[in-house]
């Protein structure tokens, strides 16, 4: 998102005034409304922290500072933003989903064609059997001739269908290769409705570069279902539904500038840009509370959801893999304390 503050100054060619007077007049104009005032505050915060007012930085600060505003102010500003929401990543996600649905349809066509070919082959065998029965009976020569002719026609049709099936299979295999190449570049995890591991690693790599340049603080948190909870459930379908619930809650509690991704095996990661460790702790506490207030029903059994979180900092001196491992170690550290929902493991203690 990018914000722009616009001022209009009417000029009369006949009454032209010195440029300095015009500049002073523009500078004296005060922003009107919550959005304008807030945009000015965001811009001032950026300049105060020594960050360039690029659209990306403005967007990050816009989301972060909005958390401290009143509910009425947040609602008003969010309602204005929704009118012009345009997310290129969301457009890419929709394109990926459409592409995969199209490939699924092609796969179904191949399956139907294969079944048709099998049925035609079966029909050929049935006709051959009936022909033999006719020859063994007292059927007339004309009847046997018609059966033989019909069998020959079906055999020819069967051969044509076989060739067409092979052509469709070849086209399917070519399409599968294309889809595979596309999947290697995708950013979305269809199973959980969040970003995938590939996109996460790219974003963390980018954030390391930005931290090296601008020296701000960002954090990473890793989230998984509480292991004792998973053992007590021992139902793959139920665990999948629970994990999907956690993914949905992660999206609910995240800011637009955060990146929520599925790392693998039901483990999620959130990249919290321009967020120090203390703020990451608060975000983790809110997330744990939100999840713990969500109950899951398995038959007549009511289960309270619970998660474990590992928190780490993103530094310019460590690789993406080292930072990810640090968040994993944070989860292990959380399990060492019976009452801890999360733990912090810093790369630069």
Protein backbone atom coordinates (compact mmCIF):
# COMPACT_ATOMS: atom_id res chain seq x y z
CA UNK A 1 0.00 0.00 0.00
CA UNK A 2 1.16 3.48 -0.64
CA UNK A 3 -0.19 6.67 0.81
CA UNK A 4 -0.19 10.03 -0.87
CA UNK A 5 -1.01 13.39 0.57
CA UNK A 6 -2.40 15.75 -2.03
CA UNK A 7 -2.96 19.49 -1.82
CA UNK A 8 -4.59 21.64 -4.45
CA UNK A 9 -3.63 25.27 -4.96
CA UNK A 10 -5.54 27.41 -7.42
CA UNK A 11 -3.47 29.90 -9.35
CA UNK A 12 -4.64 32.97 -11.20
CA UNK A 13 -2.34 33.95 -14.03
CA UNK A 14 -3.32 37.54 -13.61
CA UNK A 15 -2.60 37.62 -9.89
CA UNK A 16 0.59 35.59 -9.76
CA UNK A 17 2.40 35.62 -6.43
CA UNK A 18 5.98 34.74 -5.54
CA UNK A 19 6.63 31.02 -5.27
CA UNK A 20 7.68 31.40 -1.63
CA UNK A 21 4.24 32.75 -0.74
CA UNK A 22 2.59 29.80 -2.41
CA UNK A 23 4.88 27.38 -0.60
CA UNK A 24 4.06 28.91 2.76
CA UNK A 25 0.36 28.72 2.02
CA UNK A 26 0.59 25.04 1.14
CA UNK A 27 2.64 24.29 4.22
CA UNK A 28 -0.01 25.98 6.38
CA UNK A 29 -2.77 23.66 5.20
CA UNK A 30 -3.65 21.20 7.95
CA UNK A 31 -4.80 17.70 7.03
CA UNK A 32 -8.51 17.11 7.44
CA UNK A 33 -10.02 13.80 8.62
CA UNK A 34 -8.63 10.73 10.36
CA UNK A 35 -6.94 9.25 7.30
CA UNK A 36 -5.07 12.43 6.37
CA UNK A 37 -3.93 13.09 9.94
CA UNK A 38 -2.87 9.49 10.38
CA UNK A 39 -0.95 9.48 7.09
CA UNK A 40 1.01 12.50 8.27
CA UNK A 41 1.77 10.73 11.55
CA UNK A 42 3.01 7.65 9.68
CA UNK A 43 5.26 9.75 7.48
CA UNK A 44 6.72 11.56 10.50
CA UNK A 45 7.42 8.22 12.23
CA UNK A 46 9.23 6.95 9.16
CA UNK A 47 11.44 10.02 8.98
CA UNK A 48 12.09 9.89 12.72
CA UNK A 49 13.34 6.31 12.45
CA UNK A 50 15.56 7.19 9.51
CA UNK A 51 13.71 5.07 6.96
CA UNK A 52 13.00 6.27 3.43
CA UNK A 53 9.26 6.90 2.83
CA UNK A 54 8.94 4.23 0.16
CA UNK A 55 5.51 2.68 -0.49
CA UNK A 56 6.60 -0.56 1.20
CA UNK A 57 7.93 1.13 4.35
CA UNK A 58 4.90 3.41 4.48
CA UNK A 59 2.63 0.37 4.30
CA UNK A 60 4.49 -1.40 7.12
CA UNK A 61 4.36 1.60 9.44
CA UNK A 62 0.76 2.29 8.42
CA UNK A 63 -0.28 -1.15 9.72
CA UNK A 64 1.93 -1.12 12.80
CA UNK A 65 0.92 2.30 14.13
CA UNK A 66 -2.74 1.60 13.45
CA UNK A 67 -2.76 -0.97 16.28
CA UNK A 68 -2.39 1.84 18.85
CA UNK A 69 -5.38 3.83 17.57
CA UNK A 70 -8.90 3.73 18.94
CA UNK A 71 -11.33 1.17 17.55
CA UNK A 72 -13.40 3.88 15.86
CA UNK A 73 -10.33 5.33 14.13
CA UNK A 74 -9.17 1.89 13.00
CA UNK A 75 -12.60 1.01 11.65
CA UNK A 76 -12.85 4.28 9.74
CA UNK A 77 -9.40 4.01 8.16
CA UNK A 78 -9.81 0.31 7.29
CA UNK A 79 -13.17 1.02 5.65
CA UNK A 80 -11.53 3.65 3.44
CA UNK A 81 -8.68 1.30 2.51
CA UNK A 82 -11.07 -1.49 1.54
CA UNK A 83 -12.47 0.72 -1.21
CA UNK A 84 -9.15 0.70 -3.06
CA UNK A 85 -7.70 -2.63 -1.98
CA UNK A 86 -5.50 -4.10 -4.72
CA UNK A 87 -3.17 -6.93 -3.81
CA UNK A 88 -0.95 -8.38 -6.54
CA UNK A 89 -0.15 -11.43 -4.38
CA UNK A 90 -3.86 -12.20 -4.00
CA UNK A 91 -4.26 -11.94 -7.76
CA UNK A 92 -1.38 -14.40 -8.19
CA UNK A 93 -3.00 -16.76 -5.70
CA UNK A 94 -6.29 -16.68 -7.60
CA UNK A 95 -4.42 -17.39 -10.83
CA UNK A 96 -2.63 -20.35 -9.24
CA UNK A 97 -5.91 -21.77 -7.97
CA UNK A 98 -7.58 -21.39 -11.37
CA UNK A 99 -4.61 -23.06 -13.07
CA UNK A 100 -4.69 -26.03 -10.72
CA UNK A 101 -8.46 -26.37 -11.12
CA UNK A 102 -8.01 -26.37 -14.89
CA UNK A 103 -5.38 -29.10 -14.64
CA UNK A 104 -7.69 -31.11 -12.40
CA UNK A 105 -10.42 -30.87 -15.06
CA UNK A 106 -7.98 -32.12 -17.72
CA UNK A 107 -7.10 -35.05 -15.46
CA UNK A 108 -10.79 -35.88 -15.09
CA UNK A 109 -11.24 -35.81 -18.88
CA UNK A 110 -8.36 -38.28 -19.22
CA UNK A 111 -10.00 -40.55 -16.65
CA UNK A 112 -13.37 -40.47 -18.44
CA UNK A 113 -11.69 -41.21 -21.79
CA UNK A 114 -9.79 -44.14 -20.28
CA UNK A 115 -13.03 -45.59 -18.90
CA UNK A 116 -14.70 -45.18 -22.26
CA UNK A 117 -11.87 -47.08 -23.94
CA UNK A 118 -12.15 -49.86 -21.36
CA UNK A 119 -15.91 -50.13 -21.92
CA UNK A 120 -15.44 -50.32 -25.68
CA UNK A 121 -12.86 -53.10 -25.26
CA UNK A 122 -15.29 -54.95 -23.04
CA UNK A 123 -18.04 -54.53 -25.62
CA UNK A 124 -15.76 -56.01 -28.31
CA UNK A 125 -15.21 -59.11 -26.19
CA UNK A 126 -18.93 -59.44 -25.52
CA UNK A 127 -19.73 -59.23 -29.23
CA UNK A 128 -17.11 -61.85 -30.03
CA UNK A 129 -18.67 -64.15 -27.45
CA UNK A 130 -22.18 -63.61 -28.84
CA UNK A 131 -20.90 -64.27 -32.35
CA UNK A 132 -19.49 -67.61 -31.25
CA UNK A 133 -22.79 -68.45 -29.59
CA UNK A 134 -24.67 -67.66 -32.80
CA UNK A 135 -22.34 -69.85 -34.85
CA UNK A 136 -22.89 -72.72 -32.44
CA UNK A 137 -26.69 -72.31 -32.59
CA UNK A 138 -29.13 -72.72 -35.43
CA UNK A 139 -28.98 -69.02 -36.35
CA UNK A 140 -29.27 -68.12 -39.99
CA UNK A 141 -26.28 -67.16 -42.10
CA UNK A 142 -27.64 -63.61 -42.40
CA UNK A 143 -27.80 -63.20 -38.61
CA UNK A 144 -24.23 -64.41 -38.17
CA UNK A 145 -23.08 -62.09 -40.96
CA UNK A 146 -24.72 -59.07 -39.33
CA UNK A 147 -23.11 -59.91 -35.97
CA UNK A 148 -19.72 -60.29 -37.63
CA UNK A 149 -20.13 -56.96 -39.43
CA UNK A 150 -21.15 -55.23 -36.19
CA UNK A 151 -18.17 -56.73 -34.41
CA UNK A 152 -15.83 -55.48 -37.14
CA UNK A 153 -17.27 -51.96 -36.91
CA UNK A 154 -16.88 -51.85 -33.14
CA UNK A 155 -13.31 -53.12 -33.47
CA UNK A 156 -12.51 -50.25 -35.84
CA UNK A 157 -14.17 -47.76 -33.49
CA UNK A 158 -12.19 -49.23 -30.64
CA UNK A 159 -8.91 -48.72 -32.51
CA UNK A 160 -9.81 -45.09 -33.26
CA UNK A 161 -10.70 -44.48 -29.62
CA UNK A 162 -7.44 -46.10 -28.55
CA UNK A 163 -5.42 -43.72 -30.73
CA UNK A 164 -7.36 -40.72 -29.45
CA UNK A 165 -6.84 -41.87 -25.87
CA UNK A 166 -3.09 -42.07 -26.47
CA UNK A 167 -3.14 -38.54 -27.93
CA UNK A 168 -5.03 -37.22 -24.91
CA UNK A 169 -2.58 -38.98 -22.59
CA UNK A 170 0.36 -37.35 -24.39
CA UNK A 171 -1.27 -33.92 -24.11
CA UNK A 172 -1.98 -34.59 -20.43
CA UNK A 173 1.66 -35.47 -19.77
CA UNK A 174 2.81 -32.29 -21.54
CA UNK A 175 0.34 -30.26 -19.48
CA UNK A 176 1.55 -31.98 -16.29
CA UNK A 177 5.12 -30.86 -17.03
CA UNK A 178 3.93 -27.27 -17.50
CA UNK A 179 1.93 -27.37 -14.26
CA UNK A 180 4.95 -28.80 -12.43
CA UNK A 181 7.10 -25.93 -13.64
CA UNK A 182 4.44 -23.46 -12.53
CA UNK A 183 4.17 -25.13 -9.12
CA UNK A 184 7.90 -24.61 -8.64
CA UNK A 185 7.18 -20.86 -8.80
CA UNK A 186 3.94 -20.75 -6.81
CA UNK A 187 3.55 -18.75 -3.60
CA UNK A 188 0.35 -20.24 -2.20
CA UNK A 189 -0.45 -23.32 -0.12
CA UNK A 190 -3.85 -24.60 -1.25
CA UNK A 191 -4.26 -26.94 1.69
CA UNK A 192 -4.20 -24.27 4.40
CA UNK A 193 -4.99 -21.08 2.51
CA UNK A 194 -1.72 -19.30 3.40
CA UNK A 195 1.61 -18.69 1.66
CA UNK A 196 3.95 -21.62 1.07
CA UNK A 197 7.48 -22.36 2.28
CA UNK A 198 9.12 -21.13 -0.92
CA UNK A 199 7.48 -17.71 -0.62
CA UNK A 200 8.36 -17.51 3.09
CA UNK A 201 12.06 -18.17 2.48
CA UNK A 202 12.12 -15.51 -0.22
CA UNK A 203 10.47 -12.93 2.05
CA UNK A 204 12.84 -13.67 4.96
CA UNK A 205 15.81 -13.33 2.61
CA UNK A 206 14.49 -9.97 1.46
CA UNK A 207 13.95 -8.87 5.05
CA UNK A 208 17.55 -9.74 5.96
CA UNK A 209 18.70 -7.45 3.15
CA UNK A 210 16.46 -4.63 4.33
CA UNK A 211 17.67 -5.00 7.93
CA UNK A 212 21.26 -4.84 6.71
CA UNK A 213 20.50 -1.58 4.94
CA UNK A 214 18.15 0.20 7.35
CA UNK A 215 19.03 -1.44 10.72
CA UNK A 216 15.43 -1.92 11.89
CA UNK A 217 14.20 -4.90 13.92
CA UNK A 218 12.01 -7.73 12.67
CA UNK A 219 11.01 -11.05 14.19
CA UNK A 220 9.97 -14.54 13.20
CA UNK A 221 7.61 -16.85 15.05
CA UNK A 222 6.98 -20.54 14.38
CA UNK A 223 3.70 -22.14 15.43
CA UNK A 224 2.54 -25.73 15.77
CA UNK A 225 -0.30 -27.60 17.45
CA UNK A 226 0.63 -28.64 20.99
CA UNK A 227 2.22 -32.09 20.69
CA UNK A 228 0.37 -33.62 23.65
CA UNK A 229 -2.86 -32.46 22.04
CA UNK A 230 -1.96 -34.21 18.79
CA UNK A 231 -1.13 -37.42 20.66
CA UNK A 232 -4.41 -37.34 22.59
CA UNK A 233 -6.49 -36.90 19.44
CA UNK A 234 -4.75 -39.50 17.24
CA UNK A 235 -7.16 -38.90 14.36
CA UNK A 236 -5.67 -37.71 11.07
CA UNK A 237 -8.85 -36.07 9.79
CA UNK A 238 -9.50 -34.27 13.07
CA UNK A 239 -5.88 -33.10 13.28
CA UNK A 240 -6.15 -31.71 9.75
CA UNK A 241 -9.26 -29.74 10.69
CA UNK A 242 -7.58 -28.43 13.85
CA UNK A 243 -4.51 -27.36 11.88
CA UNK A 244 -6.69 -25.59 9.33
CA UNK A 245 -8.43 -23.79 12.21
CA UNK A 246 -5.05 -22.59 13.49
CA UNK A 247 -4.15 -21.36 9.99
CA UNK A 248 -7.41 -19.41 9.82
CA UNK A 249 -6.79 -17.85 13.24
CA UNK A 250 -3.26 -16.87 12.20
CA UNK A 251 -4.71 -14.96 9.27
CA UNK A 252 -7.28 -13.37 11.58
CA UNK A 253 -4.73 -12.02 14.04
CA UNK A 254 -2.03 -11.01 11.53
CA UNK A 255 -1.47 -7.56 10.08
CA UNK A 256 -1.52 -6.95 6.36
CA UNK A 257 2.25 -6.46 6.44
CA UNK A 258 2.83 -9.84 8.14
CA UNK A 259 3.56 -12.96 6.13
CA UNK A 260 1.77 -16.13 7.24
CA UNK A 261 3.12 -19.30 5.63
CA UNK A 262 2.93 -23.07 5.94
CA UNK A 263 6.45 -24.35 6.54
CA UNK A 264 5.49 -28.02 6.32
CA UNK A 265 3.84 -30.86 8.27
CA UNK A 266 1.26 -28.54 9.81
CA UNK A 267 3.88 -26.08 11.11
CA UNK A 268 3.35 -22.39 10.36
CA UNK A 269 5.65 -19.38 10.36
CA UNK A 270 4.84 -15.68 10.67
CA UNK A 271 7.27 -13.03 9.50
CA UNK A 272 6.68 -9.90 11.59
CA UNK A 273 8.27 -6.96 9.84
CA UNK A 274 9.45 -3.95 11.85
CA UNK A 275 8.59 -5.83 15.04
CA UNK A 276 11.02 -6.21 17.94
CA UNK A 277 11.07 -9.20 20.29
CA UNK A 278 8.82 -7.59 22.91
CA UNK A 279 6.18 -6.84 20.31
CA UNK A 280 6.57 -10.39 18.95
CA UNK A 281 5.91 -11.71 22.47
CA UNK A 282 2.72 -9.67 22.69
CA UNK A 283 1.62 -10.92 19.29
CA UNK A 284 2.29 -14.50 20.41
CA UNK A 285 0.30 -13.99 23.60
CA UNK A 286 -2.65 -12.65 21.61
CA UNK A 287 -2.43 -15.60 19.25
CA UNK A 288 -2.26 -18.15 22.08
CA UNK A 289 -5.29 -16.57 23.76
CA UNK A 290 -7.22 -16.54 20.50
CA UNK A 291 -6.47 -20.21 19.83
CA UNK A 292 -7.18 -21.33 23.40
CA UNK A 293 -10.62 -19.70 23.20
CA UNK A 294 -11.43 -21.82 20.15
CA UNK A 295 -12.90 -25.19 21.03
CA UNK A 296 -13.01 -28.13 18.67
CA UNK A 297 -15.63 -30.89 18.82
CA UNK A 298 -14.67 -34.47 18.03
CA UNK A 299 -17.80 -36.56 18.33
CA UNK A 300 -19.15 -35.89 21.82
CA UNK A 301 -15.73 -34.75 23.03
CA UNK A 302 -14.91 -31.03 23.34
CA UNK A 303 -11.24 -30.24 22.81
CA UNK A 304 -9.55 -26.96 23.67
CA UNK A 305 -7.01 -26.00 21.03
CA UNK A 306 -3.50 -25.18 22.13
CA UNK A 307 -0.33 -24.20 20.28
CA UNK A 308 3.37 -23.85 20.95
CA UNK A 309 5.39 -20.95 19.57
CA UNK A 310 9.08 -20.33 19.04
CA UNK A 311 10.21 -16.70 18.67
CA UNK A 312 13.48 -15.45 17.21
CA UNK A 313 14.94 -12.28 15.79
CA UNK A 314 15.93 -11.72 12.18
CA UNK A 315 19.48 -10.48 11.87
CA UNK A 316 21.72 -9.50 9.01
CA UNK A 317 24.48 -11.83 10.23
CA UNK A 318 22.58 -15.09 9.87
CA UNK A 319 21.13 -17.02 6.96
CA UNK A 320 17.47 -17.78 6.41
CA UNK A 321 18.05 -21.40 7.40
CA UNK A 322 19.77 -20.41 10.65
CA UNK A 323 16.92 -18.10 11.57
CA UNK A 324 14.32 -20.81 10.83
CA UNK A 325 16.26 -23.31 12.96
CA UNK A 326 16.39 -20.76 15.77
CA UNK A 327 12.59 -20.51 15.77
CA UNK A 328 12.39 -24.32 15.85
CA UNK A 329 14.71 -24.35 18.84
CA UNK A 330 12.43 -21.76 20.45
CA UNK A 331 9.52 -24.23 20.23
CA UNK A 332 11.67 -26.93 21.84
CA UNK A 333 12.57 -24.49 24.59
CA UNK A 334 8.87 -23.77 25.17
CA UNK A 335 8.19 -27.47 25.74
CA UNK A 336 10.80 -27.53 28.51
CA UNK A 337 8.51 -25.39 30.67
CA UNK A 338 5.10 -26.98 31.40
CA UNK A 339 3.29 -23.63 31.61
CA UNK A 340 4.95 -21.88 28.69
CA UNK A 341 3.06 -21.39 25.42
CA UNK A 342 6.05 -19.76 23.75
CA UNK A 343 9.76 -19.20 24.19
CA UNK A 344 12.36 -16.85 22.73
CA UNK A 345 15.66 -17.95 21.26
CA UNK A 346 17.74 -15.09 19.91
CA UNK A 347 20.39 -15.27 17.23
CA UNK A 348 22.13 -12.30 18.84
CA UNK A 349 21.57 -12.72 22.61
